[in-house]
N, C-alpha and C. Protein backbone atom coordinates (compact mmCIF):
# COMPACT_ATOMS: atom_id res chain seq x y z
N MET A 1 -6.27 70.77 14.63
CA MET A 1 -5.63 69.57 14.09
C MET A 1 -5.19 69.83 12.66
N ALA A 2 -3.91 69.66 12.41
CA ALA A 2 -3.41 69.84 11.05
C ALA A 2 -3.76 68.63 10.19
N GLU A 3 -4.09 68.89 8.95
CA GLU A 3 -4.38 67.83 7.99
C GLU A 3 -3.39 67.97 6.83
N TYR A 4 -2.68 66.88 6.56
CA TYR A 4 -1.57 66.91 5.62
C TYR A 4 -1.96 66.26 4.30
N ILE A 5 -1.49 66.87 3.22
CA ILE A 5 -1.75 66.37 1.87
C ILE A 5 -0.41 66.11 1.20
N LEU A 6 -0.19 64.89 0.77
CA LEU A 6 1.04 64.53 0.07
C LEU A 6 0.98 65.05 -1.36
N VAL A 7 2.04 65.70 -1.79
CA VAL A 7 2.12 66.20 -3.16
C VAL A 7 3.00 65.23 -3.94
N GLY A 8 2.35 64.36 -4.71
CA GLY A 8 3.02 63.27 -5.41
C GLY A 8 2.39 61.95 -5.00
N GLY A 9 2.30 61.05 -5.97
CA GLY A 9 1.66 59.76 -5.71
C GLY A 9 2.53 58.59 -6.09
N GLY A 10 3.84 58.73 -5.92
CA GLY A 10 4.76 57.65 -6.25
C GLY A 10 5.23 56.89 -5.02
N GLY A 11 6.35 56.19 -5.20
CA GLY A 11 6.88 55.38 -4.12
C GLY A 11 7.28 56.19 -2.90
N PHE A 12 7.83 57.39 -3.10
CA PHE A 12 8.23 58.20 -1.96
C PHE A 12 7.02 58.65 -1.15
N ALA A 13 5.91 58.91 -1.81
CA ALA A 13 4.68 59.26 -1.09
C ALA A 13 4.25 58.11 -0.19
N ARG A 14 4.33 56.89 -0.69
CA ARG A 14 3.95 55.75 0.14
C ARG A 14 4.89 55.59 1.32
N GLU A 15 6.18 55.84 1.10
CA GLU A 15 7.13 55.79 2.21
C GLU A 15 6.81 56.84 3.27
N LEU A 16 6.58 58.07 2.83
CA LEU A 16 6.28 59.12 3.79
C LEU A 16 5.02 58.82 4.59
N TYR A 17 4.02 58.29 3.92
CA TYR A 17 2.79 57.92 4.62
C TYR A 17 3.09 56.91 5.73
N ASP A 18 3.86 55.88 5.41
CA ASP A 18 4.17 54.86 6.40
C ASP A 18 5.05 55.41 7.52
N TRP A 19 6.03 56.22 7.15
CA TRP A 19 6.95 56.76 8.17
C TRP A 19 6.25 57.67 9.17
N PHE A 20 5.41 58.57 8.65
CA PHE A 20 4.93 59.66 9.50
C PHE A 20 3.53 59.46 10.06
N THR A 21 2.77 58.50 9.57
CA THR A 21 1.41 58.31 10.09
C THR A 21 1.39 58.08 11.60
N PRO A 22 2.25 57.22 12.16
CA PRO A 22 2.17 57.02 13.62
C PRO A 22 2.38 58.29 14.43
N SER A 23 3.40 59.08 14.07
CA SER A 23 3.68 60.29 14.85
C SER A 23 2.62 61.36 14.62
N LEU A 24 2.10 61.47 13.40
CA LEU A 24 1.03 62.43 13.16
C LEU A 24 -0.21 62.05 13.94
N THR A 25 -0.55 60.78 13.93
CA THR A 25 -1.72 60.32 14.67
C THR A 25 -1.58 60.61 16.16
N ALA A 26 -0.38 60.37 16.70
CA ALA A 26 -0.14 60.60 18.12
C ALA A 26 -0.30 62.07 18.49
N SER A 27 -0.05 62.96 17.52
CA SER A 27 -0.16 64.40 17.79
C SER A 27 -1.53 64.96 17.43
N GLY A 28 -2.44 64.09 17.00
CA GLY A 28 -3.78 64.53 16.64
C GLY A 28 -3.92 65.01 15.21
N SER A 29 -2.90 64.78 14.39
CA SER A 29 -2.95 65.17 12.99
C SER A 29 -3.07 63.93 12.10
N ARG A 30 -3.15 64.14 10.79
CA ARG A 30 -3.29 62.99 9.90
C ARG A 30 -3.06 63.41 8.45
N PHE A 31 -2.76 62.41 7.62
CA PHE A 31 -2.81 62.58 6.17
C PHE A 31 -4.25 62.40 5.71
N ILE A 32 -4.70 63.28 4.82
CA ILE A 32 -6.08 63.16 4.34
C ILE A 32 -6.16 62.79 2.86
N GLY A 33 -5.05 62.82 2.14
CA GLY A 33 -5.08 62.48 0.73
C GLY A 33 -3.81 62.90 0.04
N TYR A 34 -3.83 62.82 -1.28
CA TYR A 34 -2.64 63.19 -2.04
C TYR A 34 -3.04 63.84 -3.36
N LEU A 35 -2.08 64.55 -3.92
CA LEU A 35 -2.24 65.20 -5.23
C LEU A 35 -1.28 64.55 -6.22
N ASP A 36 -1.75 64.34 -7.43
CA ASP A 36 -0.89 63.81 -8.49
C ASP A 36 -1.56 64.10 -9.82
N ASP A 37 -0.75 64.33 -10.84
CA ASP A 37 -1.31 64.61 -12.15
C ASP A 37 -1.67 63.35 -12.93
N GLY A 38 -1.37 62.17 -12.36
CA GLY A 38 -1.79 60.91 -12.95
C GLY A 38 -3.19 60.53 -12.51
N ALA A 39 -3.66 59.38 -13.01
CA ALA A 39 -5.01 58.90 -12.70
C ALA A 39 -4.96 57.96 -11.50
N ASP A 40 -4.97 58.54 -10.30
CA ASP A 40 -4.99 57.79 -9.04
C ASP A 40 -3.94 56.69 -8.99
N PRO A 41 -2.65 57.03 -9.07
CA PRO A 41 -1.61 56.00 -9.13
C PRO A 41 -1.50 55.13 -7.88
N LEU A 42 -1.98 55.60 -6.73
CA LEU A 42 -1.88 54.77 -5.53
C LEU A 42 -2.94 53.68 -5.47
N ARG A 43 -3.93 53.77 -6.33
CA ARG A 43 -4.97 52.74 -6.33
C ARG A 43 -4.39 51.36 -6.62
N ALA A 44 -3.37 51.30 -7.45
CA ALA A 44 -2.76 50.00 -7.79
C ALA A 44 -2.17 49.31 -6.58
N TYR A 45 -1.92 50.05 -5.51
CA TYR A 45 -1.34 49.48 -4.29
C TYR A 45 -2.39 49.32 -3.19
N ASN A 46 -3.66 49.49 -3.53
CA ASN A 46 -4.74 49.45 -2.54
C ASN A 46 -4.45 50.39 -1.38
N HIS A 47 -3.93 51.55 -1.71
CA HIS A 47 -3.54 52.50 -0.67
C HIS A 47 -4.76 53.20 -0.10
N PRO A 48 -4.76 53.47 1.21
CA PRO A 48 -5.96 54.06 1.82
C PRO A 48 -6.19 55.53 1.49
N LEU A 49 -5.15 56.25 1.05
CA LEU A 49 -5.33 57.68 0.80
C LEU A 49 -6.05 57.91 -0.53
N PRO A 50 -7.02 58.81 -0.54
CA PRO A 50 -7.68 59.16 -1.80
C PRO A 50 -6.89 60.22 -2.55
N GLN A 51 -7.05 60.21 -3.86
CA GLN A 51 -6.50 61.30 -4.66
C GLN A 51 -7.46 62.48 -4.58
N LEU A 52 -6.94 63.64 -4.18
CA LEU A 52 -7.77 64.82 -3.99
C LEU A 52 -7.81 65.71 -5.21
N GLY A 53 -7.02 65.37 -6.22
CA GLY A 53 -6.98 66.17 -7.43
C GLY A 53 -5.60 66.20 -8.02
N THR A 54 -5.41 67.09 -8.98
CA THR A 54 -4.11 67.24 -9.61
C THR A 54 -3.28 68.28 -8.86
N ILE A 55 -1.99 68.24 -9.11
CA ILE A 55 -1.11 69.22 -8.48
C ILE A 55 -1.40 70.62 -9.01
N ALA A 56 -1.47 70.73 -10.33
CA ALA A 56 -1.68 72.05 -10.93
C ALA A 56 -3.03 72.64 -10.56
N GLY A 57 -4.01 71.77 -10.31
CA GLY A 57 -5.35 72.26 -10.03
C GLY A 57 -5.67 72.45 -8.56
N TYR A 58 -4.69 72.28 -7.69
CA TYR A 58 -4.96 72.34 -6.25
C TYR A 58 -5.35 73.75 -5.80
N LYS A 59 -6.42 73.80 -5.02
CA LYS A 59 -6.85 75.03 -4.36
C LYS A 59 -7.05 74.72 -2.87
N PRO A 60 -6.45 75.48 -1.97
CA PRO A 60 -6.61 75.19 -0.54
C PRO A 60 -8.07 75.21 -0.13
N ALA A 61 -8.48 74.17 0.61
CA ALA A 61 -9.86 74.07 1.06
C ALA A 61 -10.03 74.44 2.52
N SER A 62 -8.92 74.51 3.26
CA SER A 62 -8.99 74.80 4.69
C SER A 62 -7.66 75.38 5.15
N PRO A 63 -7.69 76.31 6.11
CA PRO A 63 -6.43 76.82 6.66
C PRO A 63 -5.65 75.78 7.43
N ASP A 64 -6.30 74.66 7.78
CA ASP A 64 -5.62 73.58 8.50
C ASP A 64 -4.87 72.64 7.57
N HIS A 65 -5.03 72.79 6.27
CA HIS A 65 -4.37 71.89 5.33
C HIS A 65 -2.92 72.32 5.11
N ARG A 66 -2.02 71.35 5.18
CA ARG A 66 -0.61 71.59 4.93
C ARG A 66 -0.13 70.60 3.87
N LEU A 67 0.66 71.09 2.95
CA LEU A 67 1.20 70.25 1.89
C LEU A 67 2.53 69.65 2.31
N VAL A 68 2.79 68.44 1.83
CA VAL A 68 4.05 67.74 2.11
C VAL A 68 4.67 67.34 0.78
N MET A 69 5.90 67.76 0.56
CA MET A 69 6.58 67.44 -0.69
C MET A 69 6.95 65.96 -0.71
N ALA A 70 6.25 65.20 -1.54
CA ALA A 70 6.43 63.75 -1.60
C ALA A 70 7.07 63.33 -2.90
N ILE A 71 7.95 64.16 -3.43
CA ILE A 71 8.67 63.89 -4.67
C ILE A 71 10.15 64.06 -4.40
N GLY A 72 10.96 63.12 -4.85
CA GLY A 72 12.40 63.20 -4.63
C GLY A 72 13.14 63.95 -5.70
N SER A 73 12.58 64.05 -6.89
CA SER A 73 13.25 64.71 -8.01
C SER A 73 13.46 66.19 -7.72
N PRO A 74 14.70 66.67 -7.71
CA PRO A 74 14.91 68.10 -7.47
C PRO A 74 14.19 69.00 -8.48
N ALA A 75 14.24 68.64 -9.76
CA ALA A 75 13.56 69.45 -10.77
C ALA A 75 12.05 69.43 -10.55
N GLY A 76 11.52 68.27 -10.19
CA GLY A 76 10.10 68.17 -9.90
C GLY A 76 9.68 69.03 -8.72
N LYS A 77 10.50 69.03 -7.68
CA LYS A 77 10.20 69.85 -6.52
C LYS A 77 10.17 71.33 -6.88
N GLN A 78 11.15 71.77 -7.64
CA GLN A 78 11.20 73.18 -8.02
C GLN A 78 9.98 73.57 -8.87
N LYS A 79 9.58 72.68 -9.76
CA LYS A 79 8.41 72.96 -10.60
C LYS A 79 7.15 73.10 -9.75
N ILE A 80 7.00 72.20 -8.78
CA ILE A 80 5.80 72.22 -7.94
C ILE A 80 5.74 73.48 -7.09
N VAL A 81 6.86 73.86 -6.50
CA VAL A 81 6.87 75.08 -5.69
C VAL A 81 6.61 76.30 -6.57
N GLY A 82 7.06 76.25 -7.82
CA GLY A 82 6.74 77.33 -8.74
C GLY A 82 5.26 77.44 -9.03
N LEU A 83 4.56 76.30 -9.04
CA LEU A 83 3.13 76.29 -9.29
C LEU A 83 2.32 76.69 -8.07
N LEU A 84 2.68 76.13 -6.91
CA LEU A 84 1.85 76.26 -5.72
C LEU A 84 2.35 77.30 -4.73
N GLY A 85 3.61 77.73 -4.89
CA GLY A 85 4.19 78.62 -3.90
C GLY A 85 4.67 77.85 -2.69
N PRO A 86 5.58 78.42 -1.91
CA PRO A 86 6.15 77.69 -0.78
C PRO A 86 5.33 77.74 0.50
N GLU A 87 4.41 78.68 0.62
CA GLU A 87 3.84 79.00 1.92
C GLU A 87 3.05 77.88 2.55
N GLN A 88 2.41 77.03 1.73
CA GLN A 88 1.51 76.01 2.28
C GLN A 88 2.24 74.73 2.71
N PHE A 89 3.54 74.65 2.43
CA PHE A 89 4.26 73.40 2.66
C PHE A 89 4.77 73.28 4.09
N ALA A 90 4.62 72.08 4.62
CA ALA A 90 5.13 71.76 5.95
C ALA A 90 6.56 71.25 5.87
N THR A 91 7.25 71.32 6.99
CA THR A 91 8.55 70.67 7.17
C THR A 91 8.31 69.45 8.05
N LEU A 92 8.74 68.28 7.60
CA LEU A 92 8.54 67.06 8.39
C LEU A 92 9.88 66.47 8.78
N ILE A 93 10.04 66.22 10.08
CA ILE A 93 11.24 65.60 10.64
C ILE A 93 10.80 64.37 11.41
N HIS A 94 11.27 63.21 11.00
CA HIS A 94 10.83 61.98 11.66
C HIS A 94 11.35 61.92 13.09
N PRO A 95 10.54 61.42 14.02
CA PRO A 95 10.99 61.38 15.42
C PRO A 95 12.19 60.48 15.67
N THR A 96 12.50 59.56 14.76
CA THR A 96 13.71 58.74 14.95
C THR A 96 14.97 59.43 14.45
N ALA A 97 14.84 60.54 13.75
CA ALA A 97 16.01 61.27 13.25
C ALA A 97 16.73 61.94 14.41
N TRP A 98 18.06 62.01 14.30
CA TRP A 98 18.85 62.76 15.28
C TRP A 98 19.18 64.11 14.66
N VAL A 99 18.71 65.17 15.31
CA VAL A 99 18.88 66.52 14.77
C VAL A 99 19.56 67.38 15.83
N SER A 100 20.74 67.88 15.51
CA SER A 100 21.47 68.72 16.44
C SER A 100 20.72 70.02 16.70
N ALA A 101 20.80 70.49 17.94
CA ALA A 101 20.19 71.77 18.29
C ALA A 101 20.84 72.93 17.56
N SER A 102 22.07 72.74 17.09
CA SER A 102 22.77 73.82 16.38
C SER A 102 22.59 73.75 14.87
N SER A 103 21.83 72.78 14.39
CA SER A 103 21.59 72.66 12.95
C SER A 103 20.44 73.56 12.53
N THR A 104 20.30 73.75 11.22
CA THR A 104 19.22 74.56 10.66
C THR A 104 18.51 73.77 9.58
N ILE A 105 17.20 73.62 9.73
CA ILE A 105 16.39 72.92 8.74
C ILE A 105 15.33 73.89 8.23
N HIS A 106 15.34 74.15 6.94
CA HIS A 106 14.49 75.18 6.37
C HIS A 106 13.13 74.62 5.93
N GLN A 107 12.23 75.54 5.60
CA GLN A 107 10.85 75.19 5.26
C GLN A 107 10.78 74.22 4.10
N GLY A 108 9.82 73.28 4.23
CA GLY A 108 9.54 72.34 3.16
C GLY A 108 10.46 71.15 3.12
N ALA A 109 11.47 71.11 3.99
CA ALA A 109 12.41 69.99 3.99
C ALA A 109 11.75 68.74 4.56
N ILE A 110 12.27 67.60 4.16
CA ILE A 110 11.86 66.30 4.68
C ILE A 110 13.09 65.62 5.25
N VAL A 111 13.00 65.19 6.50
CA VAL A 111 14.09 64.45 7.15
C VAL A 111 13.52 63.10 7.57
N GLY A 112 14.03 62.04 6.95
CA GLY A 112 13.43 60.72 7.09
C GLY A 112 13.90 59.93 8.29
N VAL A 113 13.50 58.67 8.30
CA VAL A 113 13.76 57.79 9.44
C VAL A 113 15.26 57.61 9.68
N PHE A 114 15.66 57.74 10.94
CA PHE A 114 17.03 57.49 11.38
C PHE A 114 18.07 58.34 10.65
N ALA A 115 17.65 59.47 10.14
CA ALA A 115 18.61 60.40 9.54
C ALA A 115 19.42 61.08 10.63
N ASP A 116 20.56 61.64 10.24
CA ASP A 116 21.46 62.32 11.17
C ASP A 116 21.77 63.71 10.62
N ILE A 117 21.31 64.72 11.32
CA ILE A 117 21.59 66.11 10.96
C ILE A 117 22.50 66.66 12.06
N SER A 118 23.77 66.79 11.77
CA SER A 118 24.77 66.97 12.81
C SER A 118 25.00 68.45 13.15
N ALA A 119 26.02 68.69 13.97
CA ALA A 119 26.27 70.02 14.52
C ALA A 119 26.50 71.05 13.42
N ASN A 120 25.75 72.15 13.51
CA ASN A 120 25.87 73.28 12.57
C ASN A 120 25.60 72.89 11.11
N ALA A 121 24.95 71.78 10.89
CA ALA A 121 24.57 71.38 9.53
C ALA A 121 23.38 72.22 9.07
N THR A 122 23.25 72.35 7.75
CA THR A 122 22.14 73.11 7.17
C THR A 122 21.43 72.25 6.13
N VAL A 123 20.12 72.16 6.25
CA VAL A 123 19.27 71.49 5.27
C VAL A 123 18.39 72.56 4.65
N GLY A 124 18.55 72.79 3.35
CA GLY A 124 17.91 73.91 2.68
C GLY A 124 16.42 73.71 2.43
N GLU A 125 15.80 74.76 1.90
CA GLU A 125 14.37 74.73 1.58
C GLU A 125 14.07 73.59 0.61
N PHE A 126 13.09 72.78 0.98
CA PHE A 126 12.60 71.68 0.15
C PHE A 126 13.68 70.64 -0.16
N ALA A 127 14.72 70.61 0.65
CA ALA A 127 15.70 69.53 0.54
C ALA A 127 15.13 68.26 1.16
N THR A 128 15.60 67.12 0.69
CA THR A 128 15.12 65.82 1.16
C THR A 128 16.29 65.00 1.67
N VAL A 129 16.17 64.54 2.92
CA VAL A 129 17.14 63.62 3.50
C VAL A 129 16.41 62.30 3.69
N ASN A 130 16.68 61.33 2.84
CA ASN A 130 15.98 60.06 2.90
C ASN A 130 16.45 59.25 4.11
N GLY A 131 15.81 58.12 4.33
CA GLY A 131 16.10 57.31 5.50
C GLY A 131 17.57 56.97 5.65
N TYR A 132 18.08 57.14 6.86
CA TYR A 132 19.47 56.84 7.22
C TYR A 132 20.48 57.76 6.53
N GLY A 133 20.02 58.82 5.90
CA GLY A 133 20.95 59.79 5.33
C GLY A 133 21.61 60.62 6.42
N SER A 134 22.81 61.10 6.14
CA SER A 134 23.58 61.84 7.14
C SER A 134 24.11 63.14 6.54
N VAL A 135 23.86 64.24 7.24
CA VAL A 135 24.44 65.54 6.90
C VAL A 135 25.38 65.89 8.04
N GLY A 136 26.67 65.77 7.80
CA GLY A 136 27.67 65.86 8.85
C GLY A 136 27.84 67.27 9.39
N HIS A 137 28.71 67.39 10.38
CA HIS A 137 28.93 68.69 11.03
C HIS A 137 29.38 69.74 10.02
N ASP A 138 28.75 70.89 10.10
CA ASP A 138 29.08 72.04 9.25
C ASP A 138 28.85 71.79 7.76
N ALA A 139 28.12 70.74 7.43
CA ALA A 139 27.82 70.42 6.04
C ALA A 139 26.52 71.12 5.62
N THR A 140 26.36 71.28 4.30
CA THR A 140 25.19 71.97 3.76
C THR A 140 24.56 71.15 2.65
N LEU A 141 23.25 70.92 2.78
CA LEU A 141 22.45 70.34 1.71
C LEU A 141 21.60 71.47 1.15
N GLY A 142 21.82 71.82 -0.11
CA GLY A 142 21.21 73.01 -0.68
C GLY A 142 19.73 72.88 -0.94
N PRO A 143 19.07 74.01 -1.25
CA PRO A 143 17.64 74.00 -1.55
C PRO A 143 17.30 73.03 -2.68
N PHE A 144 16.20 72.30 -2.49
CA PHE A 144 15.65 71.37 -3.48
C PHE A 144 16.54 70.16 -3.75
N ALA A 145 17.68 70.06 -3.09
CA ALA A 145 18.54 68.90 -3.28
C ALA A 145 17.95 67.68 -2.58
N THR A 146 18.34 66.50 -3.03
CA THR A 146 17.88 65.24 -2.45
C THR A 146 19.07 64.34 -2.21
N ILE A 147 19.18 63.80 -0.99
CA ILE A 147 20.12 62.71 -0.75
C ILE A 147 19.32 61.45 -0.44
N SER A 148 19.67 60.37 -1.09
CA SER A 148 18.96 59.10 -0.96
C SER A 148 19.38 58.38 0.31
N GLY A 149 18.82 57.20 0.51
CA GLY A 149 19.11 56.43 1.70
C GLY A 149 20.59 56.11 1.86
N TYR A 150 21.07 56.23 3.10
CA TYR A 150 22.44 55.86 3.49
C TYR A 150 23.51 56.75 2.84
N VAL A 151 23.14 57.89 2.32
CA VAL A 151 24.14 58.84 1.82
C VAL A 151 24.83 59.50 3.00
N ASP A 152 26.14 59.73 2.86
CA ASP A 152 26.94 60.34 3.92
C ASP A 152 27.58 61.62 3.39
N LEU A 153 27.04 62.76 3.80
CA LEU A 153 27.70 64.04 3.55
C LEU A 153 28.59 64.31 4.76
N THR A 154 29.88 64.17 4.59
CA THR A 154 30.78 64.25 5.73
C THR A 154 31.02 65.71 6.12
N GLY A 155 31.79 65.92 7.19
CA GLY A 155 31.97 67.24 7.76
C GLY A 155 32.46 68.28 6.77
N ASN A 156 31.83 69.45 6.81
CA ASN A 156 32.21 70.60 5.98
C ASN A 156 32.01 70.37 4.48
N SER A 157 31.28 69.35 4.11
CA SER A 157 30.97 69.13 2.69
C SER A 157 29.72 69.91 2.33
N ALA A 158 29.41 69.93 1.04
CA ALA A 158 28.22 70.64 0.59
C ALA A 158 27.69 70.00 -0.69
N VAL A 159 26.38 70.00 -0.81
CA VAL A 159 25.70 69.59 -2.04
C VAL A 159 24.84 70.77 -2.46
N GLY A 160 25.02 71.22 -3.70
CA GLY A 160 24.39 72.44 -4.16
C GLY A 160 22.91 72.31 -4.49
N LYS A 161 22.32 73.44 -4.75
CA LYS A 161 20.89 73.54 -5.06
C LYS A 161 20.51 72.60 -6.20
N GLY A 162 19.42 71.84 -5.98
CA GLY A 162 18.85 71.03 -7.04
C GLY A 162 19.65 69.82 -7.44
N SER A 163 20.59 69.40 -6.60
CA SER A 163 21.39 68.21 -6.93
C SER A 163 20.77 66.96 -6.33
N PHE A 164 21.10 65.81 -6.91
CA PHE A 164 20.59 64.52 -6.46
C PHE A 164 21.76 63.59 -6.19
N VAL A 165 21.74 62.95 -5.01
CA VAL A 165 22.80 62.03 -4.63
C VAL A 165 22.18 60.66 -4.40
N GLY A 166 22.64 59.65 -5.14
CA GLY A 166 22.06 58.32 -5.08
C GLY A 166 22.46 57.54 -3.85
N SER A 167 21.77 56.43 -3.63
CA SER A 167 21.89 55.64 -2.41
C SER A 167 23.33 55.25 -2.11
N GLY A 168 23.71 55.42 -0.86
CA GLY A 168 25.00 54.94 -0.39
C GLY A 168 26.20 55.74 -0.83
N ALA A 169 26.01 56.86 -1.50
CA ALA A 169 27.14 57.67 -1.94
C ALA A 169 27.73 58.44 -0.77
N ARG A 170 28.98 58.89 -0.94
CA ARG A 170 29.66 59.69 0.08
C ARG A 170 30.28 60.92 -0.56
N VAL A 171 30.19 62.02 0.16
CA VAL A 171 30.90 63.24 -0.22
C VAL A 171 31.92 63.51 0.88
N LEU A 172 33.20 63.50 0.53
CA LEU A 172 34.26 63.56 1.53
C LEU A 172 34.40 64.96 2.12
N PRO A 173 35.10 65.09 3.26
CA PRO A 173 35.19 66.37 3.95
C PRO A 173 35.72 67.50 3.06
N HIS A 174 35.08 68.66 3.19
CA HIS A 174 35.44 69.89 2.49
C HIS A 174 35.23 69.80 0.97
N VAL A 175 34.59 68.76 0.50
CA VAL A 175 34.27 68.63 -0.93
C VAL A 175 32.89 69.24 -1.18
N HIS A 176 32.79 70.04 -2.22
CA HIS A 176 31.54 70.70 -2.57
C HIS A 176 31.05 70.20 -3.92
N VAL A 177 29.85 69.65 -3.93
CA VAL A 177 29.17 69.25 -5.17
C VAL A 177 28.38 70.46 -5.66
N GLY A 178 28.49 70.79 -6.94
CA GLY A 178 27.85 71.98 -7.48
C GLY A 178 26.34 71.87 -7.56
N GLU A 179 25.73 72.86 -8.15
CA GLU A 179 24.28 72.88 -8.33
C GLU A 179 23.85 71.99 -9.49
N HIS A 180 22.67 71.39 -9.33
CA HIS A 180 22.03 70.59 -10.39
C HIS A 180 22.94 69.46 -10.88
N CYS A 181 23.62 68.83 -9.95
CA CYS A 181 24.46 67.68 -10.26
C CYS A 181 23.73 66.39 -9.94
N THR A 182 24.19 65.29 -10.53
CA THR A 182 23.69 63.96 -10.20
C THR A 182 24.88 63.09 -9.81
N ILE A 183 24.82 62.55 -8.61
CA ILE A 183 25.85 61.66 -8.10
C ILE A 183 25.24 60.27 -7.99
N GLY A 184 25.80 59.31 -8.69
CA GLY A 184 25.22 57.98 -8.74
C GLY A 184 25.37 57.21 -7.44
N ALA A 185 24.56 56.16 -7.31
CA ALA A 185 24.58 55.32 -6.12
C ALA A 185 25.97 54.74 -5.89
N GLY A 186 26.41 54.79 -4.64
CA GLY A 186 27.68 54.19 -4.26
C GLY A 186 28.91 54.99 -4.61
N ALA A 187 28.76 56.13 -5.25
CA ALA A 187 29.92 56.94 -5.63
C ALA A 187 30.57 57.57 -4.41
N VAL A 188 31.87 57.80 -4.49
CA VAL A 188 32.61 58.54 -3.47
C VAL A 188 33.18 59.78 -4.14
N VAL A 189 32.69 60.94 -3.74
CA VAL A 189 33.11 62.19 -4.37
C VAL A 189 34.31 62.72 -3.58
N VAL A 190 35.46 62.76 -4.22
CA VAL A 190 36.70 63.11 -3.53
C VAL A 190 37.19 64.51 -3.89
N ARG A 191 36.62 65.12 -4.92
CA ARG A 191 37.00 66.47 -5.33
C ARG A 191 35.75 67.28 -5.61
N SER A 192 35.84 68.57 -5.37
CA SER A 192 34.70 69.45 -5.63
C SER A 192 34.38 69.48 -7.12
N THR A 193 33.11 69.69 -7.43
CA THR A 193 32.65 69.66 -8.81
C THR A 193 32.10 71.01 -9.23
N GLN A 194 32.01 71.21 -10.52
CA GLN A 194 31.30 72.36 -11.06
C GLN A 194 29.80 72.07 -11.05
N ASN A 195 29.00 73.00 -11.54
CA ASN A 195 27.56 72.79 -11.66
C ASN A 195 27.25 71.85 -12.83
N ASN A 196 26.07 71.22 -12.77
CA ASN A 196 25.55 70.41 -13.87
C ASN A 196 26.47 69.25 -14.26
N VAL A 197 27.04 68.60 -13.25
CA VAL A 197 27.94 67.47 -13.47
C VAL A 197 27.22 66.18 -13.09
N THR A 198 27.44 65.12 -13.86
CA THR A 198 26.93 63.78 -13.54
C THR A 198 28.12 62.87 -13.27
N MET A 199 28.09 62.18 -12.13
CA MET A 199 29.20 61.31 -11.74
C MET A 199 28.65 59.96 -11.30
N TYR A 200 29.22 58.88 -11.84
CA TYR A 200 28.82 57.53 -11.47
C TYR A 200 30.04 56.68 -11.18
N THR A 201 29.88 55.75 -10.27
CA THR A 201 30.89 54.73 -10.04
C THR A 201 30.58 53.54 -10.94
N PRO A 202 31.58 52.89 -11.56
CA PRO A 202 31.30 51.71 -12.38
C PRO A 202 30.54 50.66 -11.57
N PRO A 203 29.55 49.99 -12.17
CA PRO A 203 28.79 48.99 -11.43
C PRO A 203 29.61 47.74 -11.15
N ALA A 204 29.11 46.93 -10.22
CA ALA A 204 29.77 45.68 -9.88
C ALA A 204 29.84 44.77 -11.11
N ARG A 205 30.95 44.03 -11.23
CA ARG A 205 31.15 43.14 -12.37
C ARG A 205 31.46 41.73 -11.89
N LYS A 206 31.00 40.76 -12.65
CA LYS A 206 31.29 39.37 -12.33
C LYS A 206 32.76 39.07 -12.58
N LEU A 207 33.41 38.43 -11.62
CA LEU A 207 34.83 38.08 -11.75
C LEU A 207 34.98 36.69 -12.38
């Protein structure tokens, strides 16, 4: 029986716990706790998982323990993998997600509820596809990148390593977002970008 440890104690950790507990339980596995460098941040939510220690101080206690990346920040994910190494991390794909048989999902990735990973799509190492996110046909989500809920990476698009795409944004066909970019919520990316670019759509205004 595999025992899973969430790495991170924020809101995304609570979401992952809720999303995956039923399917893990059905398979005979479970979450046993979480790691965070704060002082038991889940206690404020009366959460059932105990804090097992800090991220930097983690030492494997059993070969059955698997780590789950419970942080959405691309920079945070890269830092954690630098500390702990990639080998202990699991890949989690929610049973409600639609995943094409021709797609590729790499180690450490998280694919959330009702996500769509389409034909020949690629989800890189430690990439995160939040709930209802879509990686279209022949599209690529790079290593450590994160797409938030309801993001649509359309066919043949790409999001580079370590980039973050906010809720409801779209990347149009054949458009490539560079590495370490930030795309704001609701933005529509119509042209390819260089690396280290931040793009936002103006917020709603009262008429």
